[in-house]
Every structure is written in structure tokens, then in C-alpha cells.
């Protein structure tokens, strides 16, 4: 029997990085990501994902916007995990799927 230890701050960081990268990806990947965000985190967070995508695709956005969005998503995910620790494994699964799609 193996024991897996989940570190919520690491899950939040990994998820944030994957979400921001997906927000910058092609429409199909971003749409797929938005759907899983809605499924796991709710429609409010799915709307926040779309806002992130808009900010990152805006030509006038500052170069530091990627880091800003990564930080915002880390906090959002940490808050979600604090309320629902059971989200850790599904989030890690979706992060792995997202990274596979991103290549």
C-alpha cells in the first residue's frame, strides 16, 4: 500500500501555473480548461478564468501580467482547497491533463 501526501500550497501553485498557461493557449485548450474550472471550482471561477484569458491576450497588457495572474490563481486555488481539501486530487488530475494538452 502506498501513501500519497498532498501539499495544498504546491497543488495551488501547480494549478495556477497550468491555468495561466492554458489561458494563453489556443481556443480549444482554453475552452476545455474553462469547463473543468467550472466543474471543480464553480462558474464564478470559470468567469475569472475568462477574464485572465482576456487580460493575457490584450496586446496592451504589461509584461508582468502573467506573474500577476499566476499569483491571483494561486490564492484562489488555496482558498478553494482550504474550504474543500477533497479538491486536491481532482485538481492534480486536471493539471496533468492540461499539461499533456499543452505539450
N, C-alpha and C. Protein backbone atom coordinates (compact mmCIF):
# COMPACT_ATOMS: atom_id res chain seq x y z
N UNK A 1 0.84 -1.17 0.00
CA UNK A 1 0.00 0.00 0.00
C UNK A 1 0.89 1.24 0.00
N UNK A 2 0.60 2.18 -0.91
CA UNK A 2 1.39 3.40 -0.94
C UNK A 2 0.58 4.55 -0.35
N UNK A 3 1.28 5.45 0.26
CA UNK A 3 0.66 6.61 0.87
C UNK A 3 1.07 7.84 0.10
N UNK A 4 0.10 8.62 -0.33
CA UNK A 4 0.38 9.84 -1.06
C UNK A 4 0.09 11.02 -0.16
N UNK A 5 1.06 11.90 -0.03
CA UNK A 5 0.91 13.10 0.78
C UNK A 5 0.69 14.27 -0.18
N UNK A 6 -0.37 15.01 0.05
CA UNK A 6 -0.69 16.15 -0.80
C UNK A 6 -0.39 17.43 -0.04
N UNK A 7 0.37 18.29 -0.65
CA UNK A 7 0.75 19.57 -0.04
C UNK A 7 -0.08 20.66 -0.71
N UNK A 8 -1.14 21.16 -0.04
CA UNK A 8 -2.04 22.12 -0.68
C UNK A 8 -1.38 23.34 -1.32
N UNK A 9 -0.35 23.95 -0.69
CA UNK A 9 0.28 25.08 -1.37
C UNK A 9 0.91 24.69 -2.70
N UNK A 10 1.46 23.49 -2.77
CA UNK A 10 2.06 23.02 -4.02
C UNK A 10 0.98 22.75 -5.07
N UNK A 11 -0.14 22.17 -4.64
CA UNK A 11 -1.26 21.94 -5.55
C UNK A 11 -1.75 23.28 -6.09
N UNK A 12 -1.86 24.26 -5.22
CA UNK A 12 -2.33 25.59 -5.64
C UNK A 12 -1.37 26.20 -6.65
N UNK A 13 -0.09 26.10 -6.40
CA UNK A 13 0.90 26.69 -7.31
C UNK A 13 0.90 25.97 -8.66
N UNK A 14 0.93 24.64 -8.63
CA UNK A 14 0.91 23.88 -9.88
C UNK A 14 -0.35 24.16 -10.69
N UNK A 15 -1.48 24.26 -10.01
CA UNK A 15 -2.73 24.55 -10.70
C UNK A 15 -2.71 25.95 -11.29
N UNK A 16 -2.23 26.90 -10.54
CA UNK A 16 -2.15 28.28 -11.03
C UNK A 16 -1.30 28.38 -12.28
N UNK A 17 -0.14 27.73 -12.27
CA UNK A 17 0.74 27.78 -13.43
C UNK A 17 0.08 27.15 -14.66
N UNK A 18 -0.59 26.03 -14.46
CA UNK A 18 -1.26 25.35 -15.57
C UNK A 18 -2.42 26.19 -16.10
N UNK A 19 -3.18 26.81 -15.20
CA UNK A 19 -4.32 27.63 -15.63
C UNK A 19 -3.87 28.83 -16.45
N UNK A 20 -2.84 29.49 -16.00
CA UNK A 20 -2.36 30.68 -16.72
C UNK A 20 -1.78 30.27 -18.06
N UNK A 21 -1.08 29.17 -18.10
CA UNK A 21 -0.55 28.71 -19.38
C UNK A 21 -1.69 28.33 -20.33
N UNK A 22 -2.71 27.69 -19.82
CA UNK A 22 -3.87 27.32 -20.65
C UNK A 22 -4.63 28.56 -21.11
N UNK A 23 -4.66 29.59 -20.29
CA UNK A 23 -5.34 30.83 -20.67
C UNK A 23 -4.64 31.49 -21.86
N UNK A 24 -3.38 31.21 -22.03
CA UNK A 24 -2.60 31.79 -23.13
C UNK A 24 -2.58 30.87 -24.35
N UNK A 25 -3.18 29.71 -24.24
CA UNK A 25 -3.13 28.70 -25.30
C UNK A 25 -4.22 28.94 -26.35
N UNK A 26 -4.34 27.99 -27.26
CA UNK A 26 -5.35 28.07 -28.31
C UNK A 26 -6.76 28.02 -27.72
N UNK A 27 -7.73 28.39 -28.53
CA UNK A 27 -9.12 28.47 -28.08
C UNK A 27 -9.66 27.14 -27.55
N UNK A 28 -9.33 26.05 -28.21
CA UNK A 28 -9.85 24.74 -27.80
C UNK A 28 -9.32 24.35 -26.41
N UNK A 29 -8.05 24.57 -26.18
CA UNK A 29 -7.47 24.24 -24.87
C UNK A 29 -8.04 25.14 -23.79
N UNK A 30 -8.14 26.43 -24.07
CA UNK A 30 -8.69 27.37 -23.09
C UNK A 30 -10.14 27.04 -22.77
N UNK A 31 -10.91 26.69 -23.78
CA UNK A 31 -12.32 26.34 -23.57
C UNK A 31 -12.44 25.08 -22.72
N UNK A 32 -11.62 24.09 -23.02
CA UNK A 32 -11.62 22.86 -22.23
C UNK A 32 -11.26 23.16 -20.77
N UNK A 33 -10.26 24.00 -20.58
CA UNK A 33 -9.82 24.37 -19.24
C UNK A 33 -10.92 25.12 -18.49
N UNK A 34 -11.55 26.07 -19.17
CA UNK A 34 -12.66 26.81 -18.56
C UNK A 34 -13.74 25.85 -18.08
N UNK A 35 -14.02 24.83 -18.87
CA UNK A 35 -15.05 23.85 -18.49
C UNK A 35 -14.69 23.09 -17.22
N UNK A 36 -13.42 22.67 -17.11
CA UNK A 36 -13.08 21.93 -15.89
C UNK A 36 -13.00 22.85 -14.68
N UNK A 37 -12.62 24.09 -14.91
CA UNK A 37 -12.65 25.06 -13.80
C UNK A 37 -14.08 25.22 -13.30
N UNK A 38 -15.02 25.34 -14.22
CA UNK A 38 -16.44 25.46 -13.84
C UNK A 38 -16.89 24.22 -13.08
N UNK A 39 -16.50 23.03 -13.56
CA UNK A 39 -16.91 21.78 -12.91
C UNK A 39 -16.37 21.66 -11.49
N UNK A 40 -15.10 22.01 -11.31
CA UNK A 40 -14.48 21.81 -10.00
C UNK A 40 -14.62 23.01 -9.06
N UNK A 41 -14.55 24.21 -9.62
CA UNK A 41 -14.47 25.41 -8.78
C UNK A 41 -15.70 26.30 -8.87
N UNK A 42 -16.54 26.08 -9.87
CA UNK A 42 -17.77 26.86 -10.00
C UNK A 42 -17.70 27.89 -11.11
N UNK A 43 -18.87 28.42 -11.44
CA UNK A 43 -18.98 29.35 -12.57
C UNK A 43 -18.29 30.68 -12.30
N UNK A 44 -18.21 31.10 -11.06
CA UNK A 44 -17.51 32.35 -10.75
C UNK A 44 -16.04 32.25 -11.12
N UNK A 45 -15.43 31.12 -10.79
CA UNK A 45 -14.02 30.93 -11.12
C UNK A 45 -13.84 30.71 -12.63
N UNK A 46 -14.82 30.11 -13.28
CA UNK A 46 -14.74 29.98 -14.74
C UNK A 46 -14.77 31.35 -15.39
N UNK A 47 -15.58 32.25 -14.85
CA UNK A 47 -15.60 33.63 -15.35
C UNK A 47 -14.26 34.31 -15.10
N UNK A 48 -13.67 34.04 -13.94
CA UNK A 48 -12.36 34.61 -13.63
C UNK A 48 -11.31 34.07 -14.60
N UNK A 49 -11.44 32.81 -15.00
CA UNK A 49 -10.51 32.24 -15.98
C UNK A 49 -10.62 32.99 -17.31
N UNK A 50 -11.85 33.27 -17.73
CA UNK A 50 -12.05 34.02 -18.98
C UNK A 50 -11.48 35.43 -18.88
N UNK A 51 -11.62 36.04 -17.71
CA UNK A 51 -11.04 37.37 -17.50
C UNK A 51 -9.51 37.30 -17.59
N UNK A 52 -8.94 36.26 -17.02
CA UNK A 52 -7.49 36.06 -17.11
C UNK A 52 -7.09 35.93 -18.57
N UNK A 53 -7.83 35.15 -19.31
CA UNK A 53 -7.52 34.97 -20.74
C UNK A 53 -7.56 36.30 -21.49
N UNK A 54 -8.59 37.09 -21.22
CA UNK A 54 -8.69 38.40 -21.87
C UNK A 54 -7.49 39.28 -21.51
N UNK A 55 -7.13 39.28 -20.25
CA UNK A 55 -6.01 40.13 -19.82
C UNK A 55 -4.70 39.70 -20.46
N UNK A 56 -4.52 38.40 -20.59
CA UNK A 56 -3.27 37.89 -21.14
C UNK A 56 -3.20 37.99 -22.66
N UNK A 57 -4.33 38.09 -23.31
CA UNK A 57 -4.31 38.22 -24.77
C UNK A 57 -4.42 39.67 -25.22
N UNK A 58 -4.60 40.58 -24.28
CA UNK A 58 -4.66 42.00 -24.59
C UNK A 58 -3.25 42.48 -24.91
N UNK A 59 -3.09 43.02 -26.10
CA UNK A 59 -1.76 43.46 -26.54
C UNK A 59 -1.18 44.54 -25.64
N UNK A 60 -2.04 45.29 -24.96
CA UNK A 60 -1.57 46.38 -24.10
C UNK A 60 -1.20 45.90 -22.69
N UNK A 61 -1.41 44.62 -22.41
CA UNK A 61 -1.13 44.11 -21.07
C UNK A 61 0.37 44.22 -20.77
N UNK A 62 0.66 44.51 -19.54
CA UNK A 62 2.06 44.62 -19.11
C UNK A 62 2.73 43.25 -19.14
N UNK A 63 4.01 43.25 -19.34
CA UNK A 63 4.77 42.00 -19.38
C UNK A 63 4.65 41.23 -18.07
N UNK A 64 4.43 41.92 -16.98
CA UNK A 64 4.33 41.26 -15.68
C UNK A 64 2.95 40.65 -15.42
N UNK A 65 2.02 40.82 -16.36
CA UNK A 65 0.65 40.33 -16.15
C UNK A 65 0.60 38.82 -15.93
N UNK A 66 1.47 38.08 -16.56
CA UNK A 66 1.49 36.63 -16.36
C UNK A 66 1.75 36.32 -14.89
N UNK A 67 2.74 36.96 -14.32
CA UNK A 67 3.05 36.73 -12.90
C UNK A 67 1.92 37.18 -11.99
N UNK A 68 1.29 38.27 -12.32
CA UNK A 68 0.15 38.75 -11.53
C UNK A 68 -0.96 37.71 -11.54
N UNK A 69 -1.27 37.20 -12.73
CA UNK A 69 -2.35 36.21 -12.84
C UNK A 69 -1.99 34.90 -12.15
N UNK A 70 -0.74 34.50 -12.22
CA UNK A 70 -0.31 33.29 -11.50
C UNK A 70 -0.53 33.45 -10.00
N UNK A 71 -0.17 34.61 -9.49
CA UNK A 71 -0.37 34.87 -8.05
C UNK A 71 -1.84 34.89 -7.66
N UNK A 72 -2.66 35.52 -8.49
CA UNK A 72 -4.10 35.56 -8.20
C UNK A 72 -4.69 34.16 -8.19
N UNK A 73 -4.30 33.36 -9.18
CA UNK A 73 -4.83 31.99 -9.23
C UNK A 73 -4.32 31.13 -8.10
N UNK A 74 -3.08 31.34 -7.67
CA UNK A 74 -2.58 30.57 -6.53
C UNK A 74 -3.44 30.82 -5.30
N UNK A 75 -3.77 32.08 -5.07
CA UNK A 75 -4.60 32.42 -3.91
C UNK A 75 -6.01 31.84 -4.06
N UNK A 76 -6.58 31.96 -5.24
CA UNK A 76 -7.92 31.40 -5.47
C UNK A 76 -7.95 29.89 -5.19
N UNK A 77 -6.94 29.20 -5.68
CA UNK A 77 -6.89 27.75 -5.50
C UNK A 77 -6.63 27.40 -4.04
N UNK A 78 -5.74 28.13 -3.39
CA UNK A 78 -5.50 27.87 -1.96
C UNK A 78 -6.78 28.07 -1.16
N UNK A 79 -7.53 29.11 -1.46
CA UNK A 79 -8.80 29.34 -0.77
C UNK A 79 -9.78 28.20 -1.02
N UNK A 80 -9.85 27.75 -2.26
CA UNK A 80 -10.74 26.64 -2.60
C UNK A 80 -10.34 25.37 -1.84
N UNK A 81 -9.04 25.11 -1.77
CA UNK A 81 -8.56 23.93 -1.06
C UNK A 81 -8.77 24.03 0.45
N UNK A 82 -8.70 25.23 0.99
CA UNK A 82 -8.96 25.41 2.42
C UNK A 82 -10.41 25.05 2.75
N UNK A 83 -11.30 25.42 1.84
CA UNK A 83 -12.73 25.12 2.04
C UNK A 83 -13.06 23.68 1.68
N UNK A 84 -12.35 23.15 0.69
CA UNK A 84 -12.65 21.80 0.19
C UNK A 84 -11.34 21.04 -0.11
N UNK A 85 -10.73 20.46 0.91
CA UNK A 85 -9.47 19.74 0.70
C UNK A 85 -9.61 18.57 -0.29
N UNK A 86 -10.83 18.07 -0.45
CA UNK A 86 -11.06 16.96 -1.38
C UNK A 86 -10.82 17.34 -2.84
N UNK A 87 -10.65 18.62 -3.13
CA UNK A 87 -10.38 19.07 -4.50
C UNK A 87 -8.94 18.79 -4.94
N UNK A 88 -8.06 18.51 -4.01
CA UNK A 88 -6.63 18.38 -4.35
C UNK A 88 -6.40 17.33 -5.43
N UNK A 89 -6.90 16.14 -5.24
CA UNK A 89 -6.64 15.08 -6.22
C UNK A 89 -7.27 15.38 -7.58
N UNK A 90 -8.55 15.81 -7.64
CA UNK A 90 -9.10 16.16 -8.95
C UNK A 90 -8.33 17.30 -9.63
N UNK A 91 -7.87 18.27 -8.84
CA UNK A 91 -7.09 19.36 -9.42
C UNK A 91 -5.78 18.84 -10.01
N UNK A 92 -5.10 17.99 -9.26
CA UNK A 92 -3.85 17.43 -9.76
C UNK A 92 -4.07 16.63 -11.05
N UNK A 93 -5.19 15.90 -11.11
CA UNK A 93 -5.51 15.16 -12.33
C UNK A 93 -5.72 16.10 -13.50
N UNK A 94 -6.45 17.18 -13.27
CA UNK A 94 -6.71 18.14 -14.35
C UNK A 94 -5.45 18.89 -14.75
N UNK A 95 -4.58 19.17 -13.80
CA UNK A 95 -3.30 19.81 -14.12
C UNK A 95 -2.49 18.90 -15.05
N UNK A 96 -2.45 17.62 -14.74
CA UNK A 96 -1.71 16.67 -15.58
C UNK A 96 -2.32 16.62 -16.98
N UNK A 97 -3.64 16.60 -17.07
CA UNK A 97 -4.30 16.59 -18.37
C UNK A 97 -4.04 17.89 -19.13
N UNK A 98 -4.06 19.00 -18.43
CA UNK A 98 -3.80 20.29 -19.06
C UNK A 98 -2.39 20.35 -19.61
N UNK A 99 -1.45 19.92 -18.83
CA UNK A 99 -0.05 19.93 -19.28
C UNK A 99 0.15 19.02 -20.49
N UNK A 100 -0.54 17.88 -20.50
CA UNK A 100 -0.47 16.99 -21.66
C UNK A 100 -1.02 17.66 -22.91
N UNK A 101 -2.11 18.40 -22.76
CA UNK A 101 -2.70 19.10 -23.90
C UNK A 101 -1.77 20.21 -24.39
N UNK A 102 -1.10 20.85 -23.46
CA UNK A 102 -0.22 21.96 -23.82
C UNK A 102 1.07 21.47 -24.48
N UNK A 103 1.36 20.20 -24.28
CA UNK A 103 2.52 19.60 -24.94
C UNK A 103 3.77 19.82 -24.21
